[in-house]
Amino acid sequence: MQDSKKEQSGRKSDFVVIKIVQGEASANIIKCHLESEGIPVYLKYESAGIIYGIIADGIGEVRILVPKDLAEEARRIIEPRETEDEA
């Protein structure tokens, strides 16, 4: 089943933003979680945050993108993690 999801991924233009987080560490945790479920992930970084290590006022922002046809599934997968983090 994982292979069929990866085949659907197509070009980067077919990806949509499902979440915006602050910092590379947070983005990579979500990326690993989604990829373990077979969903391809593309991270789009705000460059100054990577260069200077700043994560304030939009600097250090990371957009998490997944294939458009898997976006709802990806949101469902990360939703419980967000709820646990808030508790």
N, C-alpha and C. Protein backbone atom coordinates (compact mmCIF):
# COMPACT_ATOMS: atom_id res chain seq x y z
N MET A 1 0.82 -1.20 0.00
CA MET A 1 0.00 0.00 0.00
C MET A 1 0.86 1.27 0.00
N GLN A 2 2.00 1.24 0.66
CA GLN A 2 2.87 2.40 0.68
C GLN A 2 3.33 2.78 -0.71
N ASP A 3 3.69 1.82 -1.53
CA ASP A 3 4.17 2.11 -2.87
C ASP A 3 3.11 2.82 -3.70
N SER A 4 1.85 2.42 -3.57
CA SER A 4 0.80 3.06 -4.35
C SER A 4 0.61 4.51 -3.94
N LYS A 5 0.77 4.81 -2.65
CA LYS A 5 0.66 6.20 -2.19
C LYS A 5 1.80 7.04 -2.74
N LYS A 6 3.01 6.47 -2.76
CA LYS A 6 4.15 7.21 -3.27
C LYS A 6 4.04 7.44 -4.76
N GLU A 7 3.45 6.50 -5.49
CA GLU A 7 3.27 6.67 -6.92
C GLU A 7 2.32 7.82 -7.22
N GLN A 8 1.37 8.07 -6.32
CA GLN A 8 0.39 9.13 -6.51
C GLN A 8 0.99 10.52 -6.30
N SER A 9 2.18 10.59 -5.68
CA SER A 9 2.72 11.87 -5.25
C SER A 9 2.99 12.85 -6.38
N GLY A 10 3.45 12.38 -7.53
CA GLY A 10 3.62 13.25 -8.69
C GLY A 10 4.62 14.37 -8.47
N ARG A 11 4.33 15.55 -9.04
CA ARG A 11 5.22 16.70 -8.98
C ARG A 11 4.96 17.51 -7.73
N LYS A 12 5.92 18.39 -7.38
CA LYS A 12 5.76 19.26 -6.21
C LYS A 12 4.55 20.17 -6.35
N SER A 13 4.17 20.49 -7.57
CA SER A 13 3.01 21.36 -7.78
C SER A 13 1.71 20.69 -7.36
N ASP A 14 1.74 19.35 -7.22
CA ASP A 14 0.56 18.62 -6.79
C ASP A 14 0.46 18.54 -5.26
N PHE A 15 1.43 19.15 -4.57
CA PHE A 15 1.45 19.13 -3.11
C PHE A 15 0.72 20.34 -2.55
N VAL A 16 0.11 20.17 -1.37
CA VAL A 16 -0.58 21.27 -0.70
C VAL A 16 -0.08 21.36 0.73
N VAL A 17 -0.15 22.57 1.30
CA VAL A 17 0.28 22.80 2.68
C VAL A 17 -0.80 22.27 3.61
N ILE A 18 -0.41 21.41 4.55
CA ILE A 18 -1.37 20.91 5.53
C ILE A 18 -1.13 21.50 6.91
N LYS A 19 0.06 22.07 7.12
CA LYS A 19 0.38 22.64 8.42
C LYS A 19 1.61 23.52 8.29
N ILE A 20 1.65 24.56 9.13
CA ILE A 20 2.82 25.43 9.23
C ILE A 20 3.29 25.36 10.67
N VAL A 21 4.58 25.07 10.86
CA VAL A 21 5.14 24.97 12.21
C VAL A 21 6.35 25.88 12.32
N GLN A 22 6.77 26.12 13.55
CA GLN A 22 7.98 26.90 13.81
C GLN A 22 9.13 25.95 14.08
N GLY A 23 10.17 26.02 13.29
CA GLY A 23 11.38 25.25 13.53
C GLY A 23 11.46 23.94 12.78
N GLU A 24 12.69 23.63 12.42
CA GLU A 24 12.98 22.42 11.65
C GLU A 24 12.69 21.16 12.45
N ALA A 25 12.96 21.18 13.75
CA ALA A 25 12.75 19.99 14.58
C ALA A 25 11.29 19.56 14.58
N SER A 26 10.39 20.50 14.80
CA SER A 26 8.95 20.20 14.81
C SER A 26 8.50 19.66 13.46
N ALA A 27 8.99 20.28 12.40
CA ALA A 27 8.61 19.84 11.05
C ALA A 27 9.10 18.43 10.77
N ASN A 28 10.30 18.11 11.19
CA ASN A 28 10.85 16.78 10.93
C ASN A 28 10.14 15.70 11.73
N ILE A 29 9.66 16.01 12.92
CA ILE A 29 8.88 15.04 13.69
C ILE A 29 7.60 14.69 12.94
N ILE A 30 6.90 15.69 12.46
CA ILE A 30 5.66 15.46 11.71
C ILE A 30 5.97 14.74 10.40
N LYS A 31 7.03 15.15 9.73
CA LYS A 31 7.43 14.51 8.46
C LYS A 31 7.68 13.01 8.66
N CYS A 32 8.44 12.67 9.68
CA CYS A 32 8.74 11.26 9.95
C CYS A 32 7.48 10.47 10.27
N HIS A 33 6.58 11.08 11.03
CA HIS A 33 5.33 10.41 11.38
C HIS A 33 4.49 10.13 10.13
N LEU A 34 4.37 11.11 9.25
CA LEU A 34 3.59 10.92 8.03
C LEU A 34 4.26 9.92 7.09
N GLU A 35 5.57 10.00 6.95
CA GLU A 35 6.27 9.06 6.07
C GLU A 35 6.17 7.63 6.60
N SER A 36 6.12 7.46 7.92
CA SER A 36 5.97 6.11 8.47
C SER A 36 4.60 5.53 8.13
N GLU A 37 3.65 6.41 7.80
CA GLU A 37 2.32 5.98 7.38
C GLU A 37 2.22 5.88 5.85
N GLY A 38 3.34 6.09 5.16
CA GLY A 38 3.36 5.96 3.70
C GLY A 38 2.98 7.20 2.94
N ILE A 39 2.95 8.36 3.61
CA ILE A 39 2.59 9.60 2.93
C ILE A 39 3.86 10.39 2.63
N PRO A 40 4.12 10.69 1.37
CA PRO A 40 5.29 11.49 1.01
C PRO A 40 5.14 12.91 1.53
N VAL A 41 6.24 13.49 1.98
CA VAL A 41 6.21 14.83 2.56
C VAL A 41 7.32 15.68 1.94
N TYR A 42 6.98 16.93 1.70
CA TYR A 42 7.93 17.92 1.21
C TYR A 42 7.91 19.06 2.20
N LEU A 43 9.08 19.49 2.70
CA LEU A 43 9.16 20.61 3.63
C LEU A 43 9.66 21.85 2.90
N LYS A 44 8.99 22.97 3.12
CA LYS A 44 9.39 24.23 2.51
C LYS A 44 9.79 25.17 3.65
N TYR A 45 11.07 25.52 3.68
CA TYR A 45 11.64 26.31 4.76
C TYR A 45 11.69 27.79 4.42
N GLU A 46 11.54 28.60 5.45
CA GLU A 46 11.83 30.02 5.36
C GLU A 46 13.34 30.10 5.59
N SER A 47 14.08 30.62 4.64
CA SER A 47 15.54 30.48 4.63
C SER A 47 16.29 31.15 5.77
N ALA A 48 15.88 32.31 6.22
CA ALA A 48 16.62 33.00 7.28
C ALA A 48 16.63 32.18 8.58
N GLY A 49 15.56 31.48 8.85
CA GLY A 49 15.49 30.66 10.05
C GLY A 49 16.52 29.55 10.05
N ILE A 50 16.76 28.96 8.90
CA ILE A 50 17.76 27.90 8.80
C ILE A 50 19.17 28.48 8.95
N ILE A 51 19.41 29.59 8.29
CA ILE A 51 20.75 30.19 8.32
C ILE A 51 21.10 30.70 9.71
N TYR A 52 20.16 31.40 10.35
CA TYR A 52 20.46 32.03 11.63
C TYR A 52 19.93 31.28 12.84
N GLY A 53 19.13 30.24 12.63
CA GLY A 53 18.60 29.46 13.74
C GLY A 53 17.55 30.20 14.56
N ILE A 54 16.85 31.12 13.93
CA ILE A 54 15.84 31.93 14.63
C ILE A 54 14.46 31.35 14.33
N ILE A 55 13.61 31.29 15.37
CA ILE A 55 12.24 30.81 15.17
C ILE A 55 11.25 31.75 15.85
N ALA A 56 11.22 32.99 15.40
CA ALA A 56 10.30 33.98 15.97
C ALA A 56 9.69 34.82 14.86
N ASP A 57 8.43 35.25 15.08
CA ASP A 57 7.74 36.15 14.15
C ASP A 57 7.79 35.69 12.70
N GLY A 58 7.55 34.41 12.47
CA GLY A 58 7.52 33.89 11.10
C GLY A 58 8.87 33.48 10.57
N ILE A 59 9.94 33.91 11.23
CA ILE A 59 11.27 33.46 10.82
C ILE A 59 11.45 32.06 11.38
N GLY A 60 11.89 31.15 10.57
CA GLY A 60 12.02 29.76 10.99
C GLY A 60 10.77 28.95 10.70
N GLU A 61 9.85 29.56 9.98
CA GLU A 61 8.60 28.89 9.62
C GLU A 61 8.86 27.77 8.62
N VAL A 62 8.22 26.63 8.84
CA VAL A 62 8.34 25.50 7.92
C VAL A 62 6.94 25.08 7.50
N ARG A 63 6.72 25.01 6.20
CA ARG A 63 5.44 24.56 5.66
C ARG A 63 5.55 23.07 5.34
N ILE A 64 4.56 22.31 5.79
CA ILE A 64 4.54 20.87 5.56
C ILE A 64 3.56 20.61 4.43
N LEU A 65 4.07 20.03 3.35
CA LEU A 65 3.26 19.77 2.16
C LEU A 65 3.18 18.27 1.90
N VAL A 66 2.01 17.84 1.45
CA VAL A 66 1.78 16.44 1.08
C VAL A 66 1.01 16.44 -0.24
N PRO A 67 0.96 15.30 -0.93
CA PRO A 67 0.17 15.23 -2.16
C PRO A 67 -1.28 15.63 -1.89
N LYS A 68 -1.84 16.39 -2.79
CA LYS A 68 -3.20 16.91 -2.63
C LYS A 68 -4.21 15.82 -2.31
N ASP A 69 -4.10 14.67 -2.97
CA ASP A 69 -5.08 13.61 -2.77
C ASP A 69 -4.90 12.88 -1.43
N LEU A 70 -3.81 13.15 -0.71
CA LEU A 70 -3.58 12.53 0.60
C LEU A 70 -3.66 13.54 1.74
N ALA A 71 -4.04 14.78 1.44
CA ALA A 71 -4.03 15.84 2.44
C ALA A 71 -4.96 15.56 3.62
N GLU A 72 -6.18 15.15 3.35
CA GLU A 72 -7.13 14.89 4.45
C GLU A 72 -6.64 13.75 5.34
N GLU A 73 -6.11 12.70 4.73
CA GLU A 73 -5.59 11.58 5.50
C GLU A 73 -4.41 12.03 6.38
N ALA A 74 -3.55 12.86 5.81
CA ALA A 74 -2.39 13.36 6.56
C ALA A 74 -2.84 14.21 7.74
N ARG A 75 -3.84 15.05 7.54
CA ARG A 75 -4.37 15.87 8.65
C ARG A 75 -4.93 14.99 9.76
N ARG A 76 -5.63 13.93 9.39
CA ARG A 76 -6.17 13.00 10.39
C ARG A 76 -5.05 12.31 11.17
N ILE A 77 -3.99 11.98 10.48
CA ILE A 77 -2.87 11.29 11.12
C ILE A 77 -2.18 12.18 12.15
N ILE A 78 -1.97 13.45 11.82
CA ILE A 78 -1.26 14.32 12.76
C ILE A 78 -2.17 14.94 13.81
N GLU A 79 -3.46 14.91 13.60
CA GLU A 79 -4.40 15.51 14.56
C GLU A 79 -4.26 14.94 15.97
N PRO A 80 -4.23 13.63 16.17
CA PRO A 80 -4.10 13.11 17.54
C PRO A 80 -2.80 13.57 18.21
N ARG A 81 -1.73 13.68 17.46
CA ARG A 81 -0.46 14.13 18.02
C ARG A 81 -0.59 15.57 18.51
N GLU A 82 -1.27 16.42 17.77
CA GLU A 82 -1.46 17.80 18.18
C GLU A 82 -2.29 17.86 19.46
N THR A 83 -3.33 17.05 19.56
CA THR A 83 -4.17 17.03 20.74
C THR A 83 -3.37 16.57 21.95
N GLU A 84 -2.52 15.56 21.80
CA GLU A 84 -1.67 15.08 22.89
C GLU A 84 -0.69 16.15 23.34
N ASP A 85 -0.11 16.89 22.41
CA ASP A 85 0.85 17.93 22.73
C ASP A 85 0.21 19.08 23.51
N GLU A 86 -1.06 19.35 23.24
CA GLU A 86 -1.76 20.44 23.93
C GLU A 86 -2.14 20.05 25.35
N ALA A 87 -2.32 18.74 25.62
CA ALA A 87 -2.75 18.28 26.95
C ALA A 87 -1.67 18.38 28.00
